[in-house]
Amino acid sequence: MRRAVALGLAGLGAFGFAHLAGLVPPVFAGGGEKAVTIPASSTDVAPAPGDQVAVLAGGCFWGMEAVFEQVKGVKSVVSGYAGGTRATATYAQVVTERTGHAEVVRIVYDPRMVSYATLLRIYFSVAHDPTQLNRQGPDVGSSYRSAIFPQNAGQARVARAYIDQLSRGGAYRAPIVTRIERGTFFEAEAEHQDFARRNPNHGYIVRWDKPKVAAFRAAFPGLAR
C-alpha cells in the first residue's frame, strides 16, 4: 500500500485512493490483533554497562516503531533501512525492492530494565508475524522481510538460539522464516519517524498498527509504559 504512495497517486483509480485512505479492507489477512503465546528465551545476552542497541526488521517500520516505543526500558526507536548500501537507503529507492534493504527499527534500550531476549520475545510474539516470507499484512516485498541484524556476537547467538527454541516449540502453524543478517543501519526520512504517534487517525495506522500496540499492552502489561 505505501509503495503506491511512494510511486505517486496517478493511475490508482477509485480502489487505490480508497485503499490508501483506509476505506476498504486490506487485501491480505492478518493484522497482529493477538499476541502469539511463546516462552521466554532460554538464553540472553550477558549484562553490559550502558545503553545497548537492537536492530530489527518486521514489515512496515511504522508499526514496529509504535510497538517498541511502548516498552519500558526502551529509550528511543528510530525507523530506517538495513541490508543495502548508503547510496540506496532512501524510501523512494527501497520501495522498488531492488536495493536489498529491509525496513528496520533501531532500538536503544537500558539493559537494566529490559533485556535483548525480552525485546526478541515481543518481536516474535506481537510486533510482527515471523512466518510471513517477504511480506507483512498488506505490504509485500523483500523490504518487508522478517530479519534480525545483531549488533554483536552475543546478540547473534541469542537470536539464533531463540529461533531454534521457538521452531522446536511449535507455537506457530508455519515455519519461522526470520533471517539473521549483517548490515549497517541508515536512518529513514523525517516523515517516517514517529509516524503512528503523529498520525493516529491514518487509515493504515488504525487498521494495522493500533491493534498491534493494543495486543502488546494486553499480552505484556508488566513491560508496557
Protein backbone atom coordinates (compact mmCIF):
# COMPACT_ATOMS: atom_id res chain seq x y z
CA MET A 1 0.00 0.00 0.00
CA ARG A 2 2.69 2.52 0.97
CA ARG A 3 4.61 1.53 -2.13
CA ALA A 4 1.80 3.15 -4.11
CA VAL A 5 2.27 6.34 -2.13
CA ALA A 6 5.95 6.44 -2.99
CA LEU A 7 5.28 5.84 -6.69
CA GLY A 8 2.63 8.57 -6.84
CA LEU A 9 -1.17 8.63 -6.86
CA ALA A 10 -1.65 8.86 -10.60
CA GLY A 11 -3.39 5.84 -12.05
CA LEU A 12 -4.52 4.36 -8.77
CA GLY A 13 -8.21 4.67 -9.56
CA ALA A 14 -11.08 4.66 -7.09
CA PHE A 15 -9.96 1.47 -5.36
CA GLY A 16 -6.41 2.76 -4.95
CA PHE A 17 -7.49 6.03 -3.39
CA ALA A 18 -9.93 4.25 -1.07
CA HIS A 19 -7.29 1.74 -0.06
CA LEU A 20 -4.76 4.44 0.74
CA ALA A 21 -7.36 6.21 2.84
CA GLY A 22 -8.16 3.02 4.73
CA LEU A 23 -11.72 2.95 3.39
CA VAL A 24 -11.61 -0.61 2.06
CA PRO A 25 -10.35 -3.77 3.77
CA PRO A 26 -6.73 -4.63 3.01
CA VAL A 27 -6.25 -7.48 0.55
CA PHE A 28 -4.22 -9.67 2.87
CA ALA A 29 -5.30 -11.18 6.17
CA GLY A 30 -3.56 -10.76 9.48
CA GLY A 31 -3.09 -7.53 11.38
CA GLY A 32 -1.37 -8.56 14.58
CA GLU A 33 -4.57 -8.28 16.62
CA LYS A 34 -3.50 -11.01 19.05
CA ALA A 35 -0.15 -11.89 20.53
CA VAL A 36 1.18 -15.39 19.98
CA THR A 37 1.87 -17.06 23.31
CA ILE A 38 5.53 -18.03 23.33
CA PRO A 39 8.02 -18.82 26.11
CA ALA A 40 10.83 -16.54 27.15
CA SER A 41 14.19 -17.21 25.60
CA SER A 42 16.28 -19.81 27.41
CA THR A 43 19.36 -17.65 26.92
CA ASP A 44 20.16 -13.95 26.95
CA VAL A 45 22.94 -11.50 26.21
CA ALA A 46 25.46 -11.12 29.02
CA PRO A 47 24.98 -7.91 31.04
CA ALA A 48 26.96 -4.92 29.80
CA PRO A 49 27.25 -1.36 31.08
CA GLY A 50 25.47 1.48 29.35
CA ASP A 51 22.69 1.62 26.81
CA GLN A 52 22.51 -1.11 24.15
CA VAL A 53 21.18 -1.22 20.59
CA ALA A 54 18.95 -3.72 18.78
CA VAL A 55 18.09 -3.56 15.07
CA LEU A 56 15.02 -5.50 13.92
CA ALA A 57 13.07 -5.82 10.68
CA GLY A 58 9.45 -6.91 10.75
CA GLY A 59 7.50 -5.27 7.97
CA CYS A 60 6.47 -1.64 7.95
CA PHE A 61 8.68 0.32 10.31
CA TRP A 62 5.72 2.47 11.37
CA GLY A 63 4.18 -0.41 13.32
CA MET A 64 7.46 -1.78 14.67
CA GLU A 65 8.30 1.66 15.97
CA ALA A 66 4.84 2.10 17.51
CA VAL A 67 5.12 -1.17 19.45
CA PHE A 68 8.66 -0.79 20.77
CA GLU A 69 8.08 2.80 21.86
CA GLN A 70 5.63 1.33 24.38
CA VAL A 71 8.25 -0.86 26.09
CA LYS A 72 9.65 0.10 29.48
CA GLY A 73 13.41 0.49 29.29
CA VAL A 74 13.40 1.49 25.62
CA LYS A 75 14.91 4.94 25.34
CA SER A 76 14.46 5.59 21.63
CA VAL A 77 13.22 3.94 18.44
CA VAL A 78 14.32 5.20 15.04
CA SER A 79 12.97 3.93 11.72
CA GLY A 80 15.43 3.19 8.96
CA TYR A 81 16.89 0.76 6.46
CA ALA A 82 19.49 -2.02 6.66
CA GLY A 83 20.82 -4.68 4.33
CA GLY A 84 21.90 -2.44 1.46
CA THR A 85 24.22 0.46 0.78
CA ARG A 86 24.12 4.05 1.97
CA ALA A 87 23.65 5.25 -1.60
CA THR A 88 20.30 3.47 -1.95
CA ALA A 89 18.99 4.00 1.59
CA THR A 90 16.09 6.22 0.61
CA TYR A 91 12.41 5.38 0.71
CA ALA A 92 11.93 6.01 -3.00
CA GLN A 93 14.66 3.51 -3.84
CA VAL A 94 13.92 0.91 -1.15
CA VAL A 95 10.30 0.51 -2.27
CA THR A 96 11.49 -0.57 -5.72
CA GLU A 97 12.61 -3.82 -3.99
CA ARG A 98 15.95 -3.67 -5.81
CA THR A 99 18.25 -2.28 -3.10
CA GLY A 100 18.49 -5.23 -0.70
CA HIS A 101 17.34 -3.09 2.20
CA ALA A 102 14.75 -4.07 4.78
CA GLU A 103 12.71 -1.54 6.70
CA VAL A 104 14.07 -1.74 10.24
CA VAL A 105 13.93 -0.05 13.61
CA ARG A 106 16.96 0.83 15.70
CA ILE A 107 16.08 0.39 19.37
CA VAL A 108 18.21 1.96 22.09
CA TYR A 109 17.43 0.31 25.42
CA ASP A 110 18.58 0.17 29.01
CA PRO A 111 19.56 -3.47 29.71
CA ARG A 112 18.96 -2.93 33.41
CA MET A 113 15.25 -2.52 32.63
CA VAL A 114 14.68 -4.71 29.57
CA SER A 115 16.94 -7.35 28.09
CA TYR A 116 17.72 -8.19 24.48
CA ALA A 117 15.94 -11.53 24.80
CA THR A 118 12.84 -9.79 26.11
CA LEU A 119 12.83 -7.47 23.10
CA LEU A 120 13.04 -10.55 20.88
CA ARG A 121 10.10 -12.11 22.70
CA ILE A 122 7.98 -9.04 21.93
CA TYR A 123 9.28 -9.05 18.36
CA PHE A 124 8.28 -12.68 17.75
CA SER A 125 5.05 -12.59 19.74
CA VAL A 126 3.31 -9.41 18.69
CA ALA A 127 5.43 -6.90 16.76
CA HIS A 128 5.24 -8.93 13.55
CA ASP A 129 4.49 -12.38 12.12
CA PRO A 130 7.78 -14.31 11.73
CA THR A 131 6.16 -16.89 9.45
CA GLN A 132 5.39 -14.46 6.61
CA LEU A 133 8.07 -14.58 3.91
CA ASN A 134 8.98 -11.23 2.35
CA ARG A 135 5.77 -9.55 3.46
CA GLN A 136 3.73 -8.42 6.45
CA GLY A 137 -0.01 -7.97 6.19
CA PRO A 138 -0.77 -5.76 3.18
CA ASP A 139 2.88 -4.99 2.42
CA VAL A 140 4.64 -7.35 0.01
CA GLY A 141 8.32 -7.42 -0.94
CA SER A 142 11.72 -8.27 0.47
CA SER A 143 11.96 -4.86 2.16
CA TYR A 144 9.21 -6.09 4.49
CA ARG A 145 11.06 -9.29 5.42
CA SER A 146 11.49 -10.69 8.90
CA ALA A 147 15.14 -10.20 9.83
CA ILE A 148 17.37 -9.56 12.82
CA PHE A 149 20.54 -7.52 12.48
CA PRO A 150 22.66 -8.45 15.53
CA GLN A 151 24.98 -5.72 16.77
CA ASN A 152 27.47 -8.13 18.32
CA ALA A 153 28.27 -11.82 18.66
CA GLY A 154 26.18 -12.17 21.81
CA GLN A 155 23.05 -10.89 20.10
CA ALA A 156 23.65 -13.21 17.14
CA ARG A 157 23.99 -16.19 19.46
CA VAL A 158 20.81 -15.37 21.38
CA ALA A 159 18.79 -14.67 18.22
CA ARG A 160 19.78 -17.99 16.59
CA ALA A 161 19.12 -19.93 19.78
CA TYR A 162 15.70 -18.35 20.24
CA ILE A 163 14.65 -19.07 16.67
CA ASP A 164 15.66 -22.70 17.21
CA GLN A 165 13.80 -22.81 20.52
CA LEU A 166 10.60 -21.38 19.04
CA SER A 167 10.80 -23.61 15.98
CA ARG A 168 11.05 -26.70 18.16
CA GLY A 169 8.23 -25.48 20.41
CA GLY A 170 5.61 -25.42 17.67
CA ALA A 171 3.94 -22.16 18.68
CA TYR A 172 3.36 -21.23 15.04
CA ARG A 173 1.34 -23.04 12.39
CA ALA A 174 4.01 -22.36 9.77
CA PRO A 175 7.83 -22.34 9.83
CA ILE A 176 9.67 -19.29 11.13
CA VAL A 177 11.36 -17.53 8.21
CA THR A 178 13.26 -14.87 10.18
CA ARG A 179 16.77 -14.30 8.86
CA ILE A 180 19.92 -13.34 10.75
CA GLU A 181 21.67 -10.69 8.67
CA ARG A 182 24.51 -8.20 8.67
CA GLY A 183 24.04 -4.62 7.57
CA THR A 184 24.59 -1.02 8.56
CA PHE A 185 21.63 0.96 9.83
CA PHE A 186 20.65 4.07 7.86
CA GLU A 187 18.06 6.44 9.32
CA ALA A 188 14.88 6.93 7.30
CA GLU A 189 13.47 10.26 6.23
CA ALA A 190 11.95 12.58 8.84
CA GLU A 191 8.40 11.98 7.64
CA HIS A 192 8.67 8.31 8.68
CA GLN A 193 9.83 8.98 12.25
CA ASP A 194 7.16 8.68 14.97
CA PHE A 195 4.62 8.26 12.19
CA ALA A 196 1.99 6.43 14.24
CA ARG A 197 2.22 8.89 17.09
CA ARG A 198 1.93 11.88 14.75
CA ASN A 199 -0.80 10.35 12.57
CA PRO A 200 -3.05 8.33 14.92
CA ASN A 201 -6.06 8.52 12.59
CA HIS A 202 -4.25 7.49 9.42
CA GLY A 203 -6.11 4.57 7.81
CA TYR A 204 -3.06 2.29 7.75
CA ILE A 205 -2.22 3.01 11.40
CA VAL A 206 -5.81 2.41 12.55
CA ARG A 207 -6.12 -0.89 10.67
CA TRP A 208 -2.69 -2.42 11.18
CA ASP A 209 -0.68 -0.73 13.91
CA LYS A 210 -3.07 0.31 16.67
CA PRO A 211 -4.17 -3.34 17.06
CA LYS A 212 -0.51 -4.36 17.46
CA VAL A 213 0.03 -1.82 20.20
CA ALA A 214 -3.15 -2.93 21.97
CA ALA A 215 -2.11 -6.57 21.67
CA PHE A 216 1.31 -5.80 23.15
CA ARG A 217 -0.19 -3.96 26.10
CA ALA A 218 -2.63 -6.81 26.75
CA ALA A 219 -0.02 -9.58 26.48
CA PHE A 220 2.82 -7.85 28.30
CA PRO A 221 1.27 -5.46 30.85
CA GLY A 222 4.34 -5.57 33.04
CA LEU A 223 6.52 -4.35 30.18
CA ALA A 224 4.22 -1.59 28.95
CA ARG A 225 4.78 2.04 29.85
